Amino acid sequence: MLMVIPIEEDTMPATTGTKATAAVRSPLGDLNHRPHPGRHSVAADVLLAVTRVSLGWVFLWAFVDKLFGLGHETTSAQAWVNGGSPTEGFLAHAATGPFAGIYHDIAGAAWADWLFMIGLAGIGAALVLGVGMRAAAVTGATLLVLMWAAVLPPENNPFMDDHLVYALLLGVLAVFGAGRSFGLGGWWERTAVTRGRPYLI
């Protein structure tokens, strides 16, 4: 026997015009749901944070060593604080390839020294703190590609070297919002400085 189950009016979704105002949920959940790009598993967050800080330290160490001449790659006599040039040694003597002439011309220029050192410090600090990841990714990738172009072709590969890998890694960190992973990225995105300026996030 066919049974008919009555449906009370107040159980039906209210409608306005032709569109229903109450949605019927699927028992499988929202199949169109996508997680927030800044939310990851704990393991992913740890990996992003360690990678971000490690890459930031690469930039910061280069800045500190060239500034004070700690003896690792830069001697005390070559330190910027002692009158040395952070760019002259590399650009004047190590630059090779099709762009070598350009790099030789700017080697030791005051503006090149300042831009290079500000870039190292700013990019490194942004990565370690987790703020301004997009700006750090763009400026950092630009600096790395310029350094890659100064020694063409690379010593151990027809075109690929660690500069390009680091540049790609910066893009990955920015896309996945790595500044929010054990960093200050979440707080930075809510400040007045970044409001209406997504390029500063």
N, C-alpha and C. Protein backbone atom coordinates (compact mmCIF):
# COMPACT_ATOMS: atom_id res chain seq x y z
N MET A 1 0.85 -1.19 0.00
CA MET A 1 0.00 0.00 0.00
C MET A 1 0.88 1.24 0.00
N LEU A 2 0.56 2.18 -0.83
CA LEU A 2 1.34 3.41 -0.92
C LEU A 2 0.91 4.36 0.18
N MET A 3 1.89 4.78 0.99
CA MET A 3 1.58 5.69 2.09
C MET A 3 1.97 7.11 1.70
N VAL A 4 1.13 8.02 2.02
CA VAL A 4 1.38 9.44 1.74
C VAL A 4 1.65 10.14 3.06
N ILE A 5 2.80 10.74 3.16
CA ILE A 5 3.17 11.44 4.40
C ILE A 5 2.87 12.91 4.21
N PRO A 6 2.00 13.46 5.00
CA PRO A 6 1.65 14.89 4.85
C PRO A 6 2.81 15.78 5.27
N ILE A 7 2.93 16.87 4.60
CA ILE A 7 3.96 17.85 4.91
C ILE A 7 3.31 19.13 5.38
N GLU A 8 3.65 19.53 6.59
CA GLU A 8 3.07 20.75 7.12
C GLU A 8 3.69 21.96 6.45
N GLU A 9 2.89 23.02 6.33
CA GLU A 9 3.34 24.21 5.63
C GLU A 9 4.55 24.86 6.27
N ASP A 10 4.63 24.84 7.62
CA ASP A 10 5.72 25.56 8.27
C ASP A 10 7.05 24.83 8.17
N THR A 11 7.05 23.59 7.61
CA THR A 11 8.33 22.90 7.40
C THR A 11 8.91 23.18 6.05
N MET A 12 8.14 23.81 5.17
CA MET A 12 8.63 24.14 3.85
C MET A 12 9.47 25.40 3.91
N PRO A 13 10.55 25.49 3.11
CA PRO A 13 11.37 26.71 3.13
C PRO A 13 10.59 27.89 2.63
N ALA A 14 10.79 29.01 3.32
CA ALA A 14 10.11 30.23 2.92
C ALA A 14 10.70 30.73 1.62
N THR A 15 9.86 31.28 0.77
CA THR A 15 10.32 31.79 -0.51
C THR A 15 9.92 33.23 -0.68
N THR A 16 10.72 33.92 -1.41
CA THR A 16 10.41 35.30 -1.78
C THR A 16 10.48 35.37 -3.28
N GLY A 17 9.35 35.54 -3.91
CA GLY A 17 9.33 35.51 -5.37
C GLY A 17 9.55 34.08 -5.82
N THR A 18 10.58 33.87 -6.61
CA THR A 18 10.87 32.52 -7.13
C THR A 18 12.09 31.90 -6.48
N LYS A 19 12.78 32.63 -5.57
CA LYS A 19 14.00 32.12 -4.97
C LYS A 19 13.77 31.71 -3.53
N ALA A 20 14.25 30.54 -3.16
CA ALA A 20 14.11 30.08 -1.79
C ALA A 20 15.14 30.77 -0.92
N THR A 21 14.72 31.15 0.30
CA THR A 21 15.64 31.83 1.20
C THR A 21 16.35 30.86 2.12
N ALA A 22 15.90 29.61 2.17
CA ALA A 22 16.56 28.61 3.01
C ALA A 22 17.12 27.52 2.12
N ALA A 23 18.37 27.22 2.29
CA ALA A 23 19.02 26.21 1.45
C ALA A 23 18.90 24.85 2.09
N VAL A 24 18.78 23.79 1.26
CA VAL A 24 18.72 22.42 1.75
C VAL A 24 20.14 21.87 1.71
N ARG A 25 20.63 21.43 2.83
CA ARG A 25 22.01 20.93 2.91
C ARG A 25 22.09 19.49 2.42
N SER A 26 23.13 19.20 1.68
CA SER A 26 23.36 17.84 1.22
C SER A 26 23.92 17.01 2.36
N PRO A 27 23.51 15.73 2.45
CA PRO A 27 24.07 14.86 3.50
C PRO A 27 25.57 14.66 3.33
N LEU A 28 26.11 14.96 2.14
CA LEU A 28 27.54 14.83 1.91
C LEU A 28 28.30 16.09 2.29
N GLY A 29 27.58 17.13 2.72
CA GLY A 29 28.23 18.38 3.07
C GLY A 29 28.33 19.29 1.86
N ASP A 30 29.00 20.39 2.04
CA ASP A 30 29.18 21.37 0.97
C ASP A 30 30.32 20.92 0.07
N LEU A 31 29.95 20.38 -1.11
CA LEU A 31 30.97 19.84 -2.01
C LEU A 31 31.79 20.94 -2.66
N ASN A 32 31.28 22.18 -2.60
CA ASN A 32 32.01 23.29 -3.21
C ASN A 32 32.91 24.01 -2.23
N HIS A 33 32.93 23.53 -0.99
CA HIS A 33 33.73 24.20 0.04
C HIS A 33 35.21 24.06 -0.25
N ARG A 34 35.93 25.14 -0.09
CA ARG A 34 37.38 25.11 -0.22
C ARG A 34 37.98 25.72 1.05
N PRO A 35 38.99 25.11 1.62
CA PRO A 35 39.59 25.67 2.84
C PRO A 35 40.21 27.02 2.58
N HIS A 36 40.24 27.83 3.63
CA HIS A 36 40.89 29.13 3.54
C HIS A 36 42.36 28.93 3.21
N PRO A 37 42.90 29.72 2.28
CA PRO A 37 44.30 29.50 1.87
C PRO A 37 45.31 29.63 2.99
N GLY A 38 44.93 30.30 4.10
CA GLY A 38 45.87 30.47 5.20
C GLY A 38 45.75 29.39 6.26
N ARG A 39 44.84 28.40 6.04
CA ARG A 39 44.65 27.35 7.03
C ARG A 39 45.27 26.06 6.53
N HIS A 40 46.15 25.50 7.34
CA HIS A 40 46.82 24.28 6.97
C HIS A 40 46.84 23.35 8.16
N SER A 41 47.28 22.12 7.92
CA SER A 41 47.49 21.21 9.03
C SER A 41 48.67 21.71 9.85
N VAL A 42 48.80 21.20 11.06
CA VAL A 42 49.89 21.62 11.93
C VAL A 42 51.24 21.29 11.28
N ALA A 43 51.32 20.12 10.65
CA ALA A 43 52.58 19.73 10.00
C ALA A 43 52.92 20.69 8.88
N ALA A 44 51.91 21.08 8.08
CA ALA A 44 52.16 22.03 6.99
C ALA A 44 52.57 23.39 7.54
N ASP A 45 51.91 23.83 8.62
CA ASP A 45 52.25 25.11 9.22
C ASP A 45 53.69 25.11 9.73
N VAL A 46 54.10 24.03 10.36
CA VAL A 46 55.47 23.94 10.87
C VAL A 46 56.46 23.97 9.70
N LEU A 47 56.17 23.22 8.64
CA LEU A 47 57.07 23.18 7.49
C LEU A 47 57.17 24.54 6.82
N LEU A 48 56.04 25.23 6.66
CA LEU A 48 56.05 26.56 6.06
C LEU A 48 56.83 27.55 6.92
N ALA A 49 56.64 27.46 8.24
CA ALA A 49 57.32 28.38 9.14
C ALA A 49 58.83 28.15 9.12
N VAL A 50 59.24 26.89 9.18
CA VAL A 50 60.68 26.57 9.18
C VAL A 50 61.31 27.01 7.86
N THR A 51 60.62 26.76 6.75
CA THR A 51 61.13 27.16 5.44
C THR A 51 61.23 28.67 5.33
N ARG A 52 60.20 29.36 5.79
CA ARG A 52 60.18 30.83 5.73
C ARG A 52 61.30 31.44 6.55
N VAL A 53 61.47 30.99 7.78
CA VAL A 53 62.51 31.55 8.65
C VAL A 53 63.90 31.19 8.12
N SER A 54 64.05 29.97 7.60
CA SER A 54 65.35 29.55 7.07
C SER A 54 65.76 30.41 5.88
N LEU A 55 64.82 30.65 4.98
CA LEU A 55 65.13 31.47 3.81
C LEU A 55 65.37 32.92 4.23
N GLY A 56 64.61 33.37 5.23
CA GLY A 56 64.83 34.73 5.75
C GLY A 56 66.22 34.88 6.34
N TRP A 57 66.69 33.83 7.02
CA TRP A 57 68.02 33.89 7.63
C TRP A 57 69.10 33.95 6.56
N VAL A 58 68.89 33.34 5.40
CA VAL A 58 69.86 33.44 4.31
C VAL A 58 70.08 34.90 3.93
N PHE A 59 68.99 35.66 3.81
CA PHE A 59 69.10 37.07 3.47
C PHE A 59 69.69 37.89 4.62
N LEU A 60 69.22 37.62 5.84
CA LEU A 60 69.71 38.40 6.98
C LEU A 60 71.19 38.16 7.24
N TRP A 61 71.63 36.91 7.10
CA TRP A 61 73.04 36.62 7.34
C TRP A 61 73.92 37.34 6.33
N ALA A 62 73.49 37.33 5.06
CA ALA A 62 74.26 38.03 4.04
C ALA A 62 74.36 39.52 4.37
N PHE A 63 73.27 40.10 4.88
CA PHE A 63 73.28 41.52 5.25
C PHE A 63 74.24 41.77 6.41
N VAL A 64 74.14 40.98 7.48
CA VAL A 64 74.97 41.20 8.67
C VAL A 64 76.45 40.97 8.36
N ASP A 65 76.74 39.92 7.58
CA ASP A 65 78.13 39.61 7.26
C ASP A 65 78.77 40.72 6.43
N LYS A 66 78.02 41.24 5.45
CA LYS A 66 78.57 42.31 4.61
C LYS A 66 78.62 43.64 5.36
N LEU A 67 77.73 43.81 6.32
CA LEU A 67 77.72 45.06 7.08
C LEU A 67 78.90 45.14 8.04
N PHE A 68 79.16 44.05 8.78
CA PHE A 68 80.19 44.08 9.82
C PHE A 68 81.46 43.32 9.46
N GLY A 69 81.46 42.54 8.39
CA GLY A 69 82.64 41.77 8.03
C GLY A 69 82.97 40.75 9.09
N LEU A 70 82.10 39.75 9.25
CA LEU A 70 82.26 38.77 10.32
C LEU A 70 83.29 37.69 10.00
N GLY A 71 83.88 37.75 8.82
CA GLY A 71 84.94 36.82 8.49
C GLY A 71 84.49 35.54 7.82
N HIS A 72 83.19 35.37 7.62
CA HIS A 72 82.73 34.15 6.96
C HIS A 72 82.91 34.26 5.45
N GLU A 73 82.28 35.24 4.84
CA GLU A 73 82.48 35.54 3.43
C GLU A 73 83.11 36.92 3.24
N THR A 74 82.95 37.76 4.26
CA THR A 74 83.44 39.14 4.16
C THR A 74 84.42 39.41 5.30
N THR A 75 85.61 39.85 4.97
CA THR A 75 86.59 40.17 6.00
C THR A 75 86.23 41.50 6.66
N SER A 76 86.84 41.75 7.81
CA SER A 76 86.58 42.99 8.53
C SER A 76 86.96 44.21 7.68
N ALA A 77 88.03 44.12 6.93
CA ALA A 77 88.47 45.24 6.10
C ALA A 77 87.49 45.53 4.97
N GLN A 78 86.73 44.50 4.55
CA GLN A 78 85.76 44.67 3.46
C GLN A 78 84.38 45.07 3.96
N ALA A 79 84.20 45.14 5.28
CA ALA A 79 82.88 45.44 5.84
C ALA A 79 82.38 46.80 5.38
N TRP A 80 81.08 46.91 5.22
CA TRP A 80 80.48 48.16 4.78
C TRP A 80 80.72 49.27 5.80
N VAL A 81 80.68 48.92 7.09
CA VAL A 81 80.89 49.93 8.14
C VAL A 81 82.33 50.43 8.14
N ASN A 82 83.23 49.67 7.52
CA ASN A 82 84.63 50.09 7.46
C ASN A 82 85.02 50.67 6.10
N GLY A 83 84.00 51.02 5.32
CA GLY A 83 84.27 51.65 4.04
C GLY A 83 84.30 50.72 2.85
N GLY A 84 84.07 49.42 3.08
CA GLY A 84 84.04 48.47 1.97
C GLY A 84 82.75 48.58 1.19
N SER A 85 82.70 47.95 0.03
CA SER A 85 81.51 47.95 -0.82
C SER A 85 80.90 46.56 -0.85
N PRO A 86 79.61 46.43 -0.53
CA PRO A 86 78.97 45.11 -0.55
C PRO A 86 78.83 44.53 -1.95
N THR A 87 78.90 45.36 -2.98
CA THR A 87 78.68 44.87 -4.33
C THR A 87 79.94 44.79 -5.19
N GLU A 88 80.97 45.54 -4.85
CA GLU A 88 82.11 45.68 -5.75
C GLU A 88 82.83 44.36 -6.01
N GLY A 89 83.14 43.61 -4.95
CA GLY A 89 83.92 42.39 -5.12
C GLY A 89 83.24 41.41 -6.06
N PHE A 90 81.97 41.15 -5.84
CA PHE A 90 81.26 40.17 -6.65
C PHE A 90 81.03 40.67 -8.07
N LEU A 91 80.49 41.88 -8.19
CA LEU A 91 80.13 42.38 -9.51
C LEU A 91 81.35 42.70 -10.38
N ALA A 92 82.41 43.13 -9.75
CA ALA A 92 83.60 43.50 -10.53
C ALA A 92 84.44 42.31 -10.94
N HIS A 93 84.42 41.24 -10.16
CA HIS A 93 85.35 40.12 -10.42
C HIS A 93 84.66 38.79 -10.73
N ALA A 94 83.44 38.59 -10.24
CA ALA A 94 82.79 37.29 -10.42
C ALA A 94 81.75 37.28 -11.52
N ALA A 95 81.25 38.45 -11.91
CA ALA A 95 80.20 38.50 -12.92
C ALA A 95 80.72 37.99 -14.26
N THR A 96 79.95 37.11 -14.89
CA THR A 96 80.31 36.54 -16.19
C THR A 96 79.06 36.49 -17.07
N GLY A 97 79.26 36.16 -18.33
CA GLY A 97 78.12 35.97 -19.22
C GLY A 97 77.74 37.21 -19.98
N PRO A 98 76.58 37.18 -20.63
CA PRO A 98 76.17 38.27 -21.54
C PRO A 98 75.94 39.61 -20.86
N PHE A 99 75.67 39.60 -19.56
CA PHE A 99 75.38 40.86 -18.85
C PHE A 99 76.55 41.33 -18.00
N ALA A 100 77.70 40.70 -18.14
CA ALA A 100 78.85 41.02 -17.29
C ALA A 100 79.23 42.49 -17.38
N GLY A 101 79.19 43.07 -18.57
CA GLY A 101 79.56 44.47 -18.74
C GLY A 101 78.70 45.41 -17.93
N ILE A 102 77.40 45.13 -17.87
CA ILE A 102 76.48 45.97 -17.08
C ILE A 102 76.83 45.89 -15.61
N TYR A 103 77.07 44.67 -15.13
CA TYR A 103 77.39 44.50 -13.72
C TYR A 103 78.74 45.11 -13.36
N HIS A 104 79.69 45.02 -14.26
CA HIS A 104 80.99 45.64 -14.01
C HIS A 104 80.85 47.16 -13.88
N ASP A 105 79.96 47.75 -14.68
CA ASP A 105 79.78 49.20 -14.65
C ASP A 105 79.17 49.71 -13.34
N ILE A 106 78.30 48.90 -12.72
CA ILE A 106 77.64 49.37 -11.49
C ILE A 106 78.34 48.87 -10.23
N ALA A 107 79.37 48.06 -10.38
CA ALA A 107 80.08 47.51 -9.21
C ALA A 107 80.62 48.64 -8.34
N GLY A 108 80.27 48.60 -7.06
CA GLY A 108 80.78 49.57 -6.11
C GLY A 108 80.05 50.90 -6.10
N ALA A 109 79.05 51.08 -6.97
CA ALA A 109 78.29 52.34 -6.97
C ALA A 109 77.53 52.46 -5.66
N ALA A 110 77.49 53.67 -5.11
CA ALA A 110 76.83 53.88 -3.81
C ALA A 110 75.37 53.48 -3.86
N TRP A 111 74.67 53.85 -4.93
CA TRP A 111 73.25 53.51 -5.02
C TRP A 111 73.03 52.01 -5.08
N ALA A 112 73.93 51.30 -5.77
CA ALA A 112 73.83 49.85 -5.85
C ALA A 112 74.07 49.21 -4.48
N ASP A 113 75.06 49.74 -3.74
CA ASP A 113 75.33 49.23 -2.39
C ASP A 113 74.12 49.41 -1.48
N TRP A 114 73.53 50.61 -1.50
CA TRP A 114 72.38 50.89 -0.65
C TRP A 114 71.18 50.04 -1.00
N LEU A 115 70.86 49.94 -2.28
CA LEU A 115 69.71 49.12 -2.70
C LEU A 115 69.92 47.65 -2.33
N PHE A 116 71.12 47.17 -2.53
CA PHE A 116 71.42 45.78 -2.22
C PHE A 116 71.27 45.49 -0.73
N MET A 117 71.84 46.34 0.10
CA MET A 117 71.79 46.12 1.54
C MET A 117 70.40 46.31 2.11
N ILE A 118 69.69 47.32 1.63
CA ILE A 118 68.30 47.52 2.09
C ILE A 118 67.44 46.33 1.68
N GLY A 119 67.68 45.83 0.46
CA GLY A 119 66.93 44.66 0.01
C GLY A 119 67.20 43.44 0.87
N LEU A 120 68.46 43.16 1.16
CA LEU A 120 68.79 42.01 2.01
C LEU A 120 68.13 42.12 3.38
N ALA A 121 68.25 43.28 4.01
CA ALA A 121 67.69 43.47 5.35
C ALA A 121 66.17 43.41 5.35
N GLY A 122 65.55 44.10 4.40
CA GLY A 122 64.09 44.15 4.36
C GLY A 122 63.47 42.80 4.04
N ILE A 123 64.00 42.12 3.05
CA ILE A 123 63.47 40.81 2.67
C ILE A 123 63.67 39.81 3.80
N GLY A 124 64.86 39.80 4.38
CA GLY A 124 65.14 38.88 5.47
C GLY A 124 64.24 39.11 6.67
N ALA A 125 64.07 40.38 7.07
CA ALA A 125 63.22 40.68 8.22
C ALA A 125 61.76 40.31 7.96
N ALA A 126 61.28 40.60 6.74
CA ALA A 126 59.89 40.28 6.40
C ALA A 126 59.64 38.78 6.48
N LEU A 127 60.58 37.99 5.99
CA LEU A 127 60.41 36.54 6.01
C LEU A 127 60.46 35.98 7.43
N VAL A 128 61.41 36.43 8.21
CA VAL A 128 61.53 35.92 9.58
C VAL A 128 60.30 36.28 10.41
N LEU A 129 59.79 37.49 10.25
CA LEU A 129 58.63 37.94 11.02
C LEU A 129 57.32 37.43 10.43
N GLY A 130 57.30 37.18 9.14
CA GLY A 130 56.06 36.73 8.49
C GLY A 130 55.17 37.86 8.04
N VAL A 131 55.72 39.05 7.86
CA VAL A 131 54.91 40.20 7.42
C VAL A 131 55.35 40.63 6.03
N GLY A 132 54.41 41.20 5.27
CA GLY A 132 54.75 41.68 3.94
C GLY A 132 55.29 40.59 3.03
N MET A 133 54.68 39.41 3.09
CA MET A 133 55.19 38.28 2.32
C MET A 133 55.12 38.50 0.82
N ARG A 134 54.07 39.18 0.36
CA ARG A 134 53.94 39.40 -1.09
C ARG A 134 55.03 40.34 -1.58
N ALA A 135 55.24 41.42 -0.86
CA ALA A 135 56.29 42.35 -1.24
C ALA A 135 57.65 41.69 -1.15
N ALA A 136 57.87 40.90 -0.10
CA ALA A 136 59.14 40.20 0.06
C ALA A 136 59.36 39.20 -1.07
N ALA A 137 58.29 38.54 -1.51
CA ALA A 137 58.42 37.57 -2.58
C ALA A 137 58.80 38.25 -3.89
N VAL A 138 58.17 39.38 -4.19
CA VAL A 138 58.45 40.07 -5.45
C VAL A 138 59.85 40.66 -5.45
N THR A 139 60.20 41.39 -4.39
CA THR A 139 61.53 42.01 -4.34
C THR A 139 62.62 40.97 -4.20
N GLY A 140 62.37 39.94 -3.40
CA GLY A 140 63.36 38.90 -3.22
C GLY A 140 63.60 38.13 -4.51
N ALA A 141 62.53 37.78 -5.22
CA ALA A 141 62.68 37.07 -6.49
C ALA A 141 63.42 37.93 -7.51
N THR A 142 63.13 39.24 -7.52
CA THR A 142 63.82 40.14 -8.44
C THR A 142 65.31 40.18 -8.15
N LEU A 143 65.68 40.31 -6.87
CA LEU A 143 67.08 40.33 -6.48
C LEU A 143 67.78 39.03 -6.85
N LEU A 144 67.11 37.91 -6.60
CA LEU A 144 67.71 36.60 -6.88
C LEU A 144 67.90 36.39 -8.38
N VAL A 145 66.93 36.81 -9.18
CA VAL A 145 67.06 36.66 -10.63
C VAL A 145 68.20 37.54 -11.16
N LEU A 146 68.34 38.74 -10.60
CA LEU A 146 69.45 39.60 -11.00
C LEU A 146 70.80 38.97 -10.65
N MET A 147 70.87 38.34 -9.49
CA MET A 147 72.11 37.66 -9.10
C MET A 147 72.37 36.44 -9.98
N TRP A 148 71.29 35.75 -10.37
CA TRP A 148 71.42 34.61 -11.28
C TRP A 148 71.95 35.08 -12.64
N ALA A 149 71.44 36.23 -13.12
CA ALA A 149 71.84 36.74 -14.42
C ALA A 149 73.29 37.22 -14.43
N ALA A 150 73.87 37.44 -13.26
CA ALA A 150 75.25 37.93 -13.18
C ALA A 150 76.27 36.83 -13.41
N VAL A 151 75.87 35.57 -13.35
CA VAL A 151 76.84 34.47 -13.49
C VAL A 151 76.33 33.44 -14.49
N LEU A 152 75.94 33.89 -15.66
CA LEU A 152 75.46 32.98 -16.69
C LEU A 152 76.61 32.47 -17.55
N PRO A 153 76.57 31.21 -17.96
CA PRO A 153 75.64 30.18 -17.47
C PRO A 153 76.07 29.68 -16.09
N PRO A 154 75.13 29.10 -15.32
CA PRO A 154 75.51 28.58 -13.99
C PRO A 154 76.62 27.53 -14.10
N GLU A 155 77.34 27.38 -13.03
CA GLU A 155 78.51 26.49 -13.06
C GLU A 155 78.16 25.04 -13.24
N ASN A 156 77.05 24.59 -12.60
CA ASN A 156 76.74 23.17 -12.58
C ASN A 156 75.49 22.77 -13.34
N ASN A 157 74.92 23.68 -14.13
CA ASN A 157 73.68 23.38 -14.83
C ASN A 157 73.56 24.31 -16.02
N PRO A 158 72.89 23.88 -17.08
CA PRO A 158 72.76 24.76 -18.24
C PRO A 158 72.07 26.09 -17.94
N PHE A 159 71.07 26.07 -17.02
CA PHE A 159 70.37 27.33 -16.72
C PHE A 159 69.87 27.42 -15.28
N MET A 160 69.62 26.30 -14.63
CA MET A 160 69.02 26.31 -13.30
C MET A 160 70.09 26.35 -12.22
N ASP A 161 69.85 27.18 -11.17
CA ASP A 161 70.71 27.15 -9.99
C ASP A 161 69.90 27.54 -8.77
N ASP A 162 70.56 27.64 -7.62
CA ASP A 162 69.84 27.87 -6.37
C ASP A 162 69.14 29.22 -6.33
N HIS A 163 69.63 30.21 -7.08
CA HIS A 163 68.96 31.51 -7.09
C HIS A 163 67.54 31.39 -7.63
N LEU A 164 67.37 30.66 -8.70
CA LEU A 164 66.04 30.49 -9.28
C LEU A 164 65.15 29.62 -8.38
N VAL A 165 65.73 28.62 -7.75
CA VAL A 165 64.96 27.77 -6.83
C VAL A 165 64.46 28.60 -5.65
N TYR A 166 65.32 29.45 -5.09
CA TYR A 166 64.92 30.32 -3.99
C TYR A 166 63.82 31.30 -4.44
N ALA A 167 63.93 31.80 -5.66
CA ALA A 167 62.92 32.72 -6.18
C ALA A 167 61.57 32.03 -6.27
N LEU A 168 61.56 30.80 -6.77
CA LEU A 168 60.31 30.04 -6.84
C LEU A 168 59.77 29.74 -5.45
N LEU A 169 60.64 29.43 -4.53
CA LEU A 169 60.23 29.13 -3.16
C LEU A 169 59.59 30.36 -2.50
N LEU A 170 60.11 31.53 -2.78
CA LEU A 170 59.49 32.75 -2.26
C LEU A 170 58.06 32.88 -2.75
N GLY A 171 57.83 32.56 -4.02
CA GLY A 171 56.48 32.60 -4.56
C GLY A 171 55.56 31.62 -3.86
N VAL A 172 56.05 30.42 -3.59
CA VAL A 172 55.25 29.41 -2.89
C VAL A 172 54.87 29.90 -1.49
N LEU A 173 55.82 30.47 -0.77
CA LEU A 173 55.56 30.96 0.58
C LEU A 173 54.50 32.06 0.57
N ALA A 174 54.55 32.95 -0.42
CA ALA A 174 53.57 34.03 -0.50
C ALA A 174 52.19 33.49 -0.85
N VAL A 175 52.12 32.58 -1.81
CA VAL A 175 50.83 32.03 -2.25
C VAL A 175 50.13 31.29 -1.12
N PHE A 176 50.89 30.56 -0.31
CA PHE A 176 50.30 29.78 0.77
C PHE A 176 50.20 30.56 2.08
N GLY A 177 50.43 31.87 2.04
CA GLY A 177 50.27 32.67 3.24
C GLY A 177 51.14 32.21 4.39
N ALA A 178 52.41 31.92 4.10
CA ALA A 178 53.29 31.34 5.12
C ALA A 178 53.53 32.28 6.28
N GLY A 179 53.25 33.58 6.11
CA GLY A 179 53.44 34.51 7.23
C GLY A 179 52.49 34.26 8.37
N ARG A 180 51.36 33.58 8.10
CA ARG A 180 50.39 33.26 9.16
C ARG A 180 50.80 32.02 9.95
N SER A 181 51.75 31.26 9.42
CA SER A 181 52.19 30.03 10.09
C SER A 181 53.28 30.36 11.10
N PHE A 182 52.88 30.47 12.38
CA PHE A 182 53.79 30.81 13.46
C PHE A 182 54.54 32.11 13.17
N GLY A 183 53.86 33.03 12.53
CA GLY A 183 54.43 34.33 12.24
C GLY A 183 53.43 35.44 12.55
N LEU A 184 53.78 36.65 12.21
CA LEU A 184 52.92 37.80 12.50
C LEU A 184 52.03 38.18 11.33
N GLY A 185 51.93 37.28 10.34
CA GLY A 185 51.16 37.59 9.14
C GLY A 185 49.70 37.89 9.40
N GLY A 186 49.06 37.10 10.27
CA GLY A 186 47.65 37.32 10.58
C GLY A 186 47.41 38.68 11.20
N TRP A 187 48.26 39.05 12.15
CA TRP A 187 48.14 40.37 12.79
C TRP A 187 48.42 41.48 11.78
N TRP A 188 49.44 41.30 10.95
CA TRP A 188 49.83 42.33 9.99
C TRP A 188 48.70 42.62 9.00
N GLU A 189 47.96 41.58 8.59
CA GLU A 189 46.88 41.75 7.63
C GLU A 189 45.72 42.56 8.20
N ARG A 190 45.62 42.64 9.52
CA ARG A 190 44.52 43.38 10.16
C ARG A 190 44.90 44.81 10.54
N THR A 191 46.13 45.21 10.28
CA THR A 191 46.56 46.55 10.65
C THR A 191 46.08 47.57 9.63
N ALA A 192 46.08 48.84 10.06
CA ALA A 192 45.64 49.92 9.17
C ALA A 192 46.61 50.10 7.99
N VAL A 193 47.85 49.70 8.19
CA VAL A 193 48.87 49.87 7.14
C VAL A 193 48.49 49.09 5.89
N THR A 194 47.93 47.90 6.05
CA THR A 194 47.63 47.03 4.91
C THR A 194 46.21 47.19 4.40
N ARG A 195 45.38 47.96 5.09
CA ARG A 195 43.98 48.11 4.67
C ARG A 195 43.91 48.79 3.31
N GLY A 196 43.34 48.09 2.36
CA GLY A 196 43.24 48.62 1.01
C GLY A 196 44.54 48.53 0.23
N ARG A 197 45.54 47.88 0.80
CA ARG A 197 46.84 47.72 0.12
C ARG A 197 47.25 46.25 0.15
N PRO A 198 46.58 45.41 -0.63
CA PRO A 198 46.87 43.97 -0.59
C PRO A 198 48.29 43.61 -0.96
N TYR A 199 48.97 44.48 -1.69
CA TYR A 199 50.36 44.20 -2.06
C TYR A 199 51.30 44.25 -0.87
N LEU A 200 50.85 44.81 0.27
CA LEU A 200 51.67 44.86 1.47
C LEU A 200 51.49 43.66 2.38
N ILE A 201 50.52 42.80 2.05
CA ILE A 201 50.23 41.64 2.92
C ILE A 201 51.34 40.59 2.80
